[in-house]
Amino acid sequence: QEAFDNADGQTVVLSQNVTLTTPIVVTNNATLDLHGCTITGEGLSHIVGVKSGATLTIQDSAGNGSISGGTTAALLVNGSAILESGTIDSEVRGVLVNNEGSSFSMTGGSVTGTS
């Protein structure tokens, strides 16, 4: 979470797989480079959240990177999110666009999970 708190206009690059105990909340404009790593977390309301007024761009420079929700929503969007590459998956909801005015777009990558 600290990396995203300080990432306004910057890119956060993962260097290893991450298992969360609390969701990542993006409150500014940032890019997440999965870099071939996986973010997971069970029993959370969501894995990564994008607050209103924030934009998260997701990319995977190394391939095979993912945000994996399991039985949890992988990505909760209250602002804007753009998937350029990588995978967002969940058994329930891959991406949940939650509010009027929120947006999710894809220029690459894949999303699985429906409700």
Protein backbone atom coordinates (compact mmCIF):
# COMPACT_ATOMS: atom_id res chain seq x y z
CA GLN A 1 0.00 0.00 0.00
CA GLU A 2 2.81 2.42 0.85
CA ALA A 3 4.20 2.16 -2.68
CA PHE A 4 0.84 3.34 -4.09
CA ASP A 5 0.48 6.11 -1.52
CA ASN A 6 3.70 7.64 -2.90
CA ALA A 7 3.18 6.77 -6.57
CA ASP A 8 1.27 9.74 -7.97
CA GLY A 9 2.22 9.72 -11.65
CA GLN A 10 4.70 6.90 -11.07
CA THR A 11 4.92 3.17 -11.82
CA VAL A 12 4.93 0.54 -9.08
CA VAL A 13 6.80 -2.56 -10.32
CA LEU A 14 6.28 -5.85 -8.49
CA SER A 15 9.37 -7.94 -7.82
CA GLN A 16 7.64 -10.94 -6.21
CA ASN A 17 4.22 -12.49 -5.71
CA VAL A 18 2.11 -10.72 -3.09
CA THR A 19 -0.59 -12.16 -0.80
CA LEU A 20 -2.66 -9.37 0.74
CA THR A 21 -4.34 -9.22 4.13
CA THR A 22 -5.97 -5.87 3.25
CA PRO A 23 -6.85 -4.51 -0.20
CA ILE A 24 -4.56 -2.15 -2.10
CA VAL A 25 -6.35 1.21 -2.46
CA VAL A 26 -5.22 3.55 -5.24
CA THR A 27 -6.02 7.19 -4.46
CA ASN A 28 -4.00 8.95 -7.18
CA ASN A 29 -2.88 8.35 -10.75
CA ALA A 30 -0.50 5.40 -10.90
CA THR A 31 0.64 2.48 -13.03
CA LEU A 32 0.96 -1.06 -11.70
CA ASP A 33 3.49 -3.24 -13.55
CA LEU A 34 2.78 -6.82 -12.51
CA HIS A 35 6.18 -7.82 -13.99
CA GLY A 36 5.19 -11.50 -14.16
CA CYS A 37 4.04 -11.59 -10.52
CA THR A 38 0.65 -12.38 -8.99
CA ILE A 39 -1.34 -10.42 -6.39
CA THR A 40 -3.79 -12.54 -4.38
CA GLY A 41 -5.87 -12.28 -1.23
CA GLU A 42 -8.75 -14.38 0.07
CA GLY A 43 -11.57 -13.21 2.28
CA LEU A 44 -11.26 -9.54 1.27
CA SER A 45 -14.01 -7.44 -0.30
CA HIS A 46 -11.65 -6.87 -3.25
CA ILE A 47 -7.94 -7.15 -4.08
CA VAL A 48 -7.21 -3.77 -5.68
CA GLY A 49 -9.50 -0.74 -5.39
CA VAL A 50 -9.40 2.50 -7.37
CA LYS A 51 -10.93 5.47 -5.55
CA SER A 52 -13.05 8.13 -7.22
CA GLY A 53 -10.82 10.67 -8.98
CA ALA A 54 -7.93 8.20 -9.32
CA THR A 55 -6.72 6.31 -12.40
CA LEU A 56 -4.87 3.00 -12.33
CA THR A 57 -3.14 1.62 -15.42
CA ILE A 58 -2.26 -2.07 -15.20
CA GLN A 59 0.49 -3.58 -17.31
CA ASP A 60 2.67 -6.68 -17.26
CA SER A 61 6.12 -6.12 -18.73
CA ALA A 62 7.32 -9.71 -18.10
CA GLY A 63 4.23 -11.79 -18.99
CA ASN A 64 2.08 -14.15 -16.88
CA GLY A 65 1.34 -11.51 -14.22
CA SER A 66 -2.11 -11.37 -12.66
CA ILE A 67 -4.43 -9.93 -10.06
CA SER A 68 -6.25 -13.00 -8.81
CA GLY A 69 -9.31 -12.60 -6.62
CA GLY A 70 -10.25 -16.23 -6.02
CA THR A 71 -13.70 -15.86 -4.41
CA THR A 72 -13.20 -12.07 -4.10
CA ALA A 73 -13.58 -9.30 -6.69
CA ALA A 74 -10.14 -8.76 -8.18
CA LEU A 75 -10.53 -5.09 -9.15
CA LEU A 76 -13.06 -2.63 -7.68
CA VAL A 77 -13.26 0.56 -9.76
CA ASN A 78 -14.76 3.75 -8.33
CA GLY A 79 -12.48 5.93 -10.50
CA SER A 80 -10.85 4.79 -13.74
CA ALA A 81 -8.81 1.72 -14.63
CA ILE A 82 -7.06 0.72 -17.84
CA LEU A 83 -5.79 -2.80 -18.50
CA GLU A 84 -2.95 -2.76 -21.03
CA SER A 85 -1.60 -6.27 -20.37
CA GLY A 86 -1.71 -8.96 -17.71
CA THR A 87 -4.64 -10.95 -16.35
CA ILE A 88 -7.41 -10.05 -13.93
CA ASP A 89 -9.27 -13.11 -12.70
CA SER A 90 -11.75 -14.16 -10.07
CA GLU A 91 -14.26 -16.94 -9.52
CA VAL A 92 -16.85 -14.25 -8.73
CA ARG A 93 -16.01 -10.87 -10.34
CA GLY A 94 -12.91 -10.04 -12.28
CA VAL A 95 -13.71 -6.34 -12.46
CA LEU A 96 -16.50 -4.51 -10.63
CA VAL A 97 -17.18 -0.98 -11.92
CA ASN A 98 -19.03 0.38 -8.95
CA ASN A 99 -20.25 3.96 -9.51
CA GLU A 100 -21.75 6.17 -12.17
CA GLY A 101 -18.86 7.97 -13.85
CA SER A 102 -16.43 5.13 -13.14
CA SER A 103 -14.75 3.45 -16.09
CA PHE A 104 -12.75 0.39 -17.05
CA SER A 105 -11.13 -0.07 -20.45
CA MET A 106 -8.86 -2.65 -22.03
CA THR A 107 -6.22 -2.23 -24.68
CA GLY A 108 -4.81 -5.71 -23.98
CA GLY A 109 -4.69 -8.42 -21.37
CA SER A 110 -7.62 -10.54 -20.22
CA VAL A 111 -10.37 -10.55 -17.62
CA THR A 112 -12.22 -13.61 -16.29
CA GLY A 113 -14.95 -13.90 -13.71
CA THR A 114 -18.59 -12.97 -13.82
CA SER A 115 -21.37 -12.72 -11.29
